[in-house]
Amino acid sequence: MRLVLDPIACDGRALCLELLPERIRADSWGFPILRAGPVPPPLLPLARRAVADCPRLALRLTAEPADGAAPGPGAAAPRPSASGAARRS
């Protein structure tokens, strides 16, 4: 399971940071930044509580995609590398 944040819905109340500091930290404005990767099984109960207690419903848990599978909705699309970017003349 992975944590996913909807940055548009989040208003930075920081409740999730208090509930799950092992996986979530604050940026300079107090908005959450999620640690990449799956949530370890011992932290899943705390992650579920952070999701349930989010007042703006901006945090959710999603199942891990299978290796090689496309990420589900809400996942960030990979960014093109600088070498793969199109150049304008």
Protein backbone atom coordinates (compact mmCIF):
# COMPACT_ATOMS: atom_id res chain seq x y z
CA MET A 1 0.00 0.00 0.00
CA ARG A 2 1.14 3.52 -0.83
CA LEU A 3 0.03 6.88 0.50
CA VAL A 4 -1.19 9.33 -2.13
CA LEU A 5 -1.87 13.01 -1.50
CA ASP A 6 -4.23 15.27 -3.42
CA PRO A 7 -2.34 18.57 -3.10
CA ILE A 8 -5.32 20.57 -4.38
CA ALA A 9 -7.63 19.26 -1.66
CA CYS A 10 -5.05 19.57 1.14
CA ASP A 11 -5.19 22.76 3.18
CA GLY A 12 -2.16 22.02 5.36
CA ARG A 13 -3.79 21.34 8.71
CA ALA A 14 -0.92 18.88 9.42
CA LEU A 15 -2.98 16.26 11.24
CA CYS A 16 -1.42 13.56 9.05
CA LEU A 17 2.07 14.73 10.05
CA GLU A 18 1.22 14.21 13.70
CA LEU A 19 -0.26 10.77 13.09
CA LEU A 20 2.40 9.40 10.76
CA PRO A 21 5.71 11.29 11.10
CA GLU A 22 7.58 8.19 9.92
CA ARG A 23 6.14 8.65 6.40
CA ILE A 24 5.06 12.31 6.19
CA ARG A 25 7.04 15.50 6.72
CA ALA A 26 6.15 19.16 6.25
CA ASP A 27 7.43 21.50 3.57
CA SER A 28 8.37 25.09 4.43
CA TRP A 29 4.66 26.14 4.33
CA GLY A 30 3.49 23.25 6.50
CA PHE A 31 2.01 21.13 3.72
CA PRO A 32 2.70 17.38 3.77
CA ILE A 33 5.40 15.71 1.72
CA LEU A 34 5.02 11.94 1.51
CA ARG A 35 7.95 9.58 1.73
CA ALA A 36 8.24 7.53 -1.46
CA GLY A 37 7.64 3.81 -1.45
CA PRO A 38 5.22 1.43 0.16
CA VAL A 39 4.01 1.86 3.71
CA PRO A 40 5.60 -0.88 5.87
CA PRO A 41 3.05 -3.30 7.35
CA PRO A 42 3.66 -2.19 10.97
CA LEU A 43 2.71 1.39 9.98
CA LEU A 44 -0.45 0.49 8.04
CA PRO A 45 -2.81 1.02 11.02
CA LEU A 46 -1.39 4.52 11.53
CA ALA A 47 -1.57 5.24 7.79
CA ARG A 48 -5.22 4.15 7.72
CA ARG A 49 -5.98 6.42 10.68
CA ALA A 50 -4.24 9.37 8.98
CA VAL A 51 -6.36 8.75 5.86
CA ALA A 52 -9.57 8.42 7.88
CA ASP A 53 -8.86 11.52 9.98
CA CYS A 54 -7.90 13.85 7.11
CA PRO A 55 -10.50 16.64 7.32
CA ARG A 56 -10.22 17.42 3.57
CA LEU A 57 -10.04 13.77 2.36
CA ALA A 58 -6.77 14.68 0.65
CA LEU A 59 -4.90 11.56 1.73
CA ARG A 60 -5.58 8.01 0.60
CA LEU A 61 -4.00 4.56 0.50
CA THR A 62 -3.71 2.76 -2.81
CA ALA A 63 -2.70 -0.78 -3.64
CA GLU A 64 0.75 -1.25 -5.12
CA PRO A 65 0.69 -1.71 -8.90
CA ALA A 66 2.16 -4.98 -10.12
CA ASP A 67 5.68 -4.79 -11.55
CA GLY A 68 5.52 -3.34 -15.02
CA ALA A 69 1.87 -2.30 -14.64
CA ALA A 70 0.79 1.26 -15.25
CA PRO A 71 0.24 3.31 -12.08
CA GLY A 72 -3.34 3.83 -10.97
CA PRO A 73 -5.29 7.09 -10.98
CA GLY A 74 -3.74 9.82 -8.90
CA ALA A 75 -0.19 8.59 -9.40
CA ALA A 76 2.34 11.03 -10.70
CA ALA A 77 3.32 10.57 -14.32
CA PRO A 78 7.04 10.18 -14.97
CA ARG A 79 8.72 13.38 -16.08
CA PRO A 80 10.79 13.39 -19.26
CA SER A 81 14.51 13.63 -18.75
CA ALA A 82 16.42 16.67 -19.95
CA SER A 83 18.04 14.59 -22.70
CA GLY A 84 14.63 13.33 -23.88
CA ALA A 85 12.94 16.71 -23.94
CA ALA A 86 12.05 18.26 -27.27
CA ARG A 87 14.08 21.33 -28.21
CA ARG A 88 12.72 24.43 -29.85
CA SER A 89 14.65 26.14 -32.61
